[in-house]
């Protein structure tokens, strides 16, 4: 995994990745300071075909009480696309045991992760 730029390391994340289902497909955007679009909008991550039974105790679901069938976040694809666009999931979030490798589900079809620019 690439490292965050030294100018951003150990600082709060100013960027956030958001992956959600839109018209049956996973799409992602990276939002920067001041709600400016840093990457995207709607970078395609593929079809939202895989479903799972969600429980509030699952990694990444500590902010919401969700249960039932939900689409499975294509986390590996999301991380790859983030890196292709010059970002990495913030280390503090990645290491947080409550998250799913830095990602947090905020509603049935939306996940977010704080991210930082990659070191040049």
C-alpha atoms as a PDB file:
ATOM      1  CA  UNK A   1       0.000   0.000   0.000  1.00  0.00           C
ATOM      2  CA  UNK A   2       1.436   3.423  -0.905  1.00  0.00           C
ATOM      3  CA  UNK A   3       2.081   5.915   1.876  1.00  0.00           C
ATOM      4  CA  UNK A   4       0.442   9.271   2.381  1.00  0.00           C
ATOM      5  CA  UNK A   5       2.395  12.356   1.446  1.00  0.00           C
ATOM      6  CA  UNK A   6       4.676  13.487   4.280  1.00  0.00           C
ATOM      7  CA  UNK A   7       2.887  16.860   4.186  1.00  0.00           C
ATOM      8  CA  UNK A   8      -0.325  15.060   5.253  1.00  0.00           C
ATOM      9  CA  UNK A   9       1.016  12.236   7.428  1.00  0.00           C
ATOM     10  CA  UNK A  10      -0.191  12.312  11.056  1.00  0.00           C
ATOM     11  CA  UNK A  11      -2.664  15.109  10.284  1.00  0.00           C
ATOM     12  CA  UNK A  12      -6.464  14.833  10.169  1.00  0.00           C
ATOM     13  CA  UNK A  13      -7.693  13.721   6.759  1.00  0.00           C
ATOM     14  CA  UNK A  14      -8.948  16.553   4.584  1.00  0.00           C
ATOM     15  CA  UNK A  15     -10.231  14.233   1.849  1.00  0.00           C
ATOM     16  CA  UNK A  16     -12.947  11.617   1.938  1.00  0.00           C
ATOM     17  CA  UNK A  17     -13.790   8.799  -0.437  1.00  0.00           C
ATOM     18  CA  UNK A  18     -17.440   7.932  -0.881  1.00  0.00           C
ATOM     19  CA  UNK A  19     -18.566   4.721  -2.587  1.00  0.00           C
ATOM     20  CA  UNK A  20     -22.234   4.101  -3.198  1.00  0.00           C
ATOM     21  CA  UNK A  21     -24.656   2.222  -5.400  1.00  0.00           C
ATOM     22  CA  UNK A  22     -26.263   4.217  -8.210  1.00  0.00           C
ATOM     23  CA  UNK A  23     -28.439   2.533 -10.823  1.00  0.00           C
ATOM     24  CA  UNK A  24     -27.145  -0.906  -9.900  1.00  0.00           C
ATOM     25  CA  UNK A  25     -23.431  -0.003 -10.066  1.00  0.00           C
ATOM     26  CA  UNK A  26     -20.848   0.954  -7.475  1.00  0.00           C
ATOM     27  CA  UNK A  27     -19.501   4.465  -8.052  1.00  0.00           C
ATOM     28  CA  UNK A  28     -16.925   6.436  -6.086  1.00  0.00           C
ATOM     29  CA  UNK A  29     -15.901  10.052  -5.655  1.00  0.00           C
ATOM     30  CA  UNK A  30     -13.208  11.728  -3.575  1.00  0.00           C
ATOM     31  CA  UNK A  31     -14.289  14.949  -1.888  1.00  0.00           C
ATOM     32  CA  UNK A  32     -11.664  17.467  -0.822  1.00  0.00           C
ATOM     33  CA  UNK A  33     -11.539  20.440   1.523  1.00  0.00           C
ATOM     34  CA  UNK A  34     -14.452  22.790   1.096  1.00  0.00           C
ATOM     35  CA  UNK A  35     -16.505  20.013  -0.556  1.00  0.00           C
ATOM     36  CA  UNK A  36     -14.495  20.349  -3.790  1.00  0.00           C
ATOM     37  CA  UNK A  37     -14.423  17.272  -6.032  1.00  0.00           C
ATOM     38  CA  UNK A  38     -10.881  15.860  -5.947  1.00  0.00           C
ATOM     39  CA  UNK A  39     -11.576  12.764  -8.065  1.00  0.00           C
ATOM     40  CA  UNK A  40     -14.714  11.753  -9.876  1.00  0.00           C
ATOM     41  CA  UNK A  41     -17.583  12.234  -9.783  1.00  0.00           C
ATOM     42  CA  UNK A  42     -18.884   8.721 -10.113  1.00  0.00           C
ATOM     43  CA  UNK A  43     -15.801   6.661 -10.888  1.00  0.00           C
ATOM     44  CA  UNK A  44     -17.220   3.264 -11.883  1.00  0.00           C
ATOM     45  CA  UNK A  45     -16.310   0.323  -9.629  1.00  0.00           C
ATOM     46  CA  UNK A  46     -18.532  -2.229 -11.348  1.00  0.00           C
ATOM     47  CA  UNK A  47     -21.931  -3.845 -10.795  1.00  0.00           C
ATOM     48  CA  UNK A  48     -23.498  -4.069  -7.342  1.00  0.00           C
ATOM     49  CA  UNK A  49     -24.522  -7.697  -7.721  1.00  0.00           C
ATOM     50  CA  UNK A  50     -23.061  -9.317  -4.594  1.00  0.00           C
ATOM     51  CA  UNK A  51     -25.262  -9.112  -1.499  1.00  0.00           C
ATOM     52  CA  UNK A  52     -24.669 -10.053   2.134  1.00  0.00           C
ATOM     53  CA  UNK A  53     -26.716 -10.176   5.308  1.00  0.00           C
ATOM     54  CA  UNK A  54     -25.606  -7.198   7.388  1.00  0.00           C
ATOM     55  CA  UNK A  55     -25.350  -7.065  11.158  1.00  0.00           C
ATOM     56  CA  UNK A  56     -24.542  -3.996  13.277  1.00  0.00           C
ATOM     57  CA  UNK A  57     -21.531  -5.854  14.733  1.00  0.00           C
ATOM     58  CA  UNK A  58     -19.849  -6.275  11.321  1.00  0.00           C
ATOM     59  CA  UNK A  59     -16.632  -4.277  10.751  1.00  0.00           C
ATOM     60  CA  UNK A  60     -17.404  -0.803   9.465  1.00  0.00           C
ATOM     61  CA  UNK A  61     -21.006  -0.742  10.644  1.00  0.00           C
ATOM     62  CA  UNK A  62     -20.550   0.848  14.076  1.00  0.00           C
ATOM     63  CA  UNK A  63     -22.223   4.142  13.088  1.00  0.00           C
ATOM     64  CA  UNK A  64     -25.554   2.651  12.038  1.00  0.00           C
ATOM     65  CA  UNK A  65     -27.868  -0.130  13.149  1.00  0.00           C
ATOM     66  CA  UNK A  66     -28.369  -1.979   9.891  1.00  0.00           C
ATOM     67  CA  UNK A  67     -29.586  -5.465   9.238  1.00  0.00           C
ATOM     68  CA  UNK A  68     -30.848  -7.358   6.236  1.00  0.00           C
ATOM     69  CA  UNK A  69     -29.468  -7.733   2.739  1.00  0.00           C
ATOM     70  CA  UNK A  70     -27.029  -5.063   1.551  1.00  0.00           C
ATOM     71  CA  UNK A  71     -24.641  -4.840  -1.416  1.00  0.00           C
ATOM     72  CA  UNK A  72     -21.047  -5.853  -0.686  1.00  0.00           C
ATOM     73  CA  UNK A  73     -18.539  -3.004  -0.977  1.00  0.00           C
ATOM     74  CA  UNK A  74     -15.895  -3.904  -3.598  1.00  0.00           C
ATOM     75  CA  UNK A  75     -13.225  -2.683  -1.169  1.00  0.00           C
ATOM     76  CA  UNK A  76     -10.197  -3.970  -3.082  1.00  0.00           C
ATOM     77  CA  UNK A  77     -11.400  -2.278  -6.279  1.00  0.00           C
ATOM     78  CA  UNK A  78     -12.153   0.921  -4.373  1.00  0.00           C
ATOM     79  CA  UNK A  79      -8.655   0.993  -2.854  1.00  0.00           C
ATOM     80  CA  UNK A  80      -7.053   0.298  -6.253  1.00  0.00           C
ATOM     81  CA  UNK A  81      -9.032   3.118  -7.884  1.00  0.00           C
ATOM     82  CA  UNK A  82      -8.181   5.469  -5.009  1.00  0.00           C
ATOM     83  CA  UNK A  83      -4.490   4.755  -5.537  1.00  0.00           C
ATOM     84  CA  UNK A  84      -4.840   5.259  -9.306  1.00  0.00           C
ATOM     85  CA  UNK A  85      -6.259   8.718  -8.573  1.00  0.00           C
ATOM     86  CA  UNK A  86      -3.462   9.602  -6.148  1.00  0.00           C
ATOM     87  CA  UNK A  87      -5.037   8.835  -2.767  1.00  0.00           C
ATOM     88  CA  UNK A  88      -4.676   6.288   0.023  1.00  0.00           C
ATOM     89  CA  UNK A  89      -7.003   5.433   2.927  1.00  0.00           C
ATOM     90  CA  UNK A  90      -5.756   7.315   5.996  1.00  0.00           C
ATOM     91  CA  UNK A  91      -3.541   5.107   8.168  1.00  0.00           C
ATOM     92  CA  UNK A  92      -5.408   5.937  11.389  1.00  0.00           C
ATOM     93  CA  UNK A  93      -8.717   4.806   9.866  1.00  0.00           C
ATOM     94  CA  UNK A  94      -7.129   1.735   8.265  1.00  0.00           C
ATOM     95  CA  UNK A  95      -5.780   0.632  11.648  1.00  0.00           C
ATOM     96  CA  UNK A  96      -9.058   1.293  13.523  1.00  0.00           C
ATOM     97  CA  UNK A  97     -10.535  -2.122  14.427  1.00  0.00           C
ATOM     98  CA  UNK A  98     -14.093  -0.745  14.172  1.00  0.00           C
ATOM     99  CA  UNK A  99     -13.706  -0.037  10.446  1.00  0.00           C
ATOM    100  CA  UNK A 100     -13.513  -2.389   7.481  1.00  0.00           C
ATOM    101  CA  UNK A 101      -9.911  -1.547   6.576  1.00  0.00           C
ATOM    102  CA  UNK A 102     -10.718   2.151   6.956  1.00  0.00           C
ATOM    103  CA  UNK A 103     -14.182   2.064   5.368  1.00  0.00           C
ATOM    104  CA  UNK A 104     -17.388   2.824   7.305  1.00  0.00           C
ATOM    105  CA  UNK A 105     -20.921   2.119   6.113  1.00  0.00           C
ATOM    106  CA  UNK A 106     -23.156   5.180   6.638  1.00  0.00           C
ATOM    107  CA  UNK A 107     -26.361   3.813   5.085  1.00  0.00           C
ATOM    108  CA  UNK A 108     -27.429   0.631   3.312  1.00  0.00           C
ATOM    109  CA  UNK A 109     -25.662   1.502   0.047  1.00  0.00           C
ATOM    110  CA  UNK A 110     -22.959   4.064   0.949  1.00  0.00           C
ATOM    111  CA  UNK A 111     -19.480   3.594   2.452  1.00  0.00           C
ATOM    112  CA  UNK A 112     -16.948   6.312   3.254  1.00  0.00           C
ATOM    113  CA  UNK A 113     -13.249   6.394   4.113  1.00  0.00           C
ATOM    114  CA  UNK A 114     -10.979   9.274   5.074  1.00  0.00           C
ATOM    115  CA  UNK A 115      -8.075   9.495   2.655  1.00  0.00           C
ATOM    116  CA  UNK A 116      -4.909  11.447   2.005  1.00  0.00           C
ATOM    117  CA  UNK A 117      -2.843  12.249  -1.082  1.00  0.00           C
ATOM    118  CA  UNK A 118      -0.144   9.714  -1.931  1.00  0.00           C
ATOM    119  CA  UNK A 119       3.494  10.716  -1.539  1.00  0.00           C
ATOM    120  CA  UNK A 120       5.031  11.778  -4.874  1.00  0.00           C
END
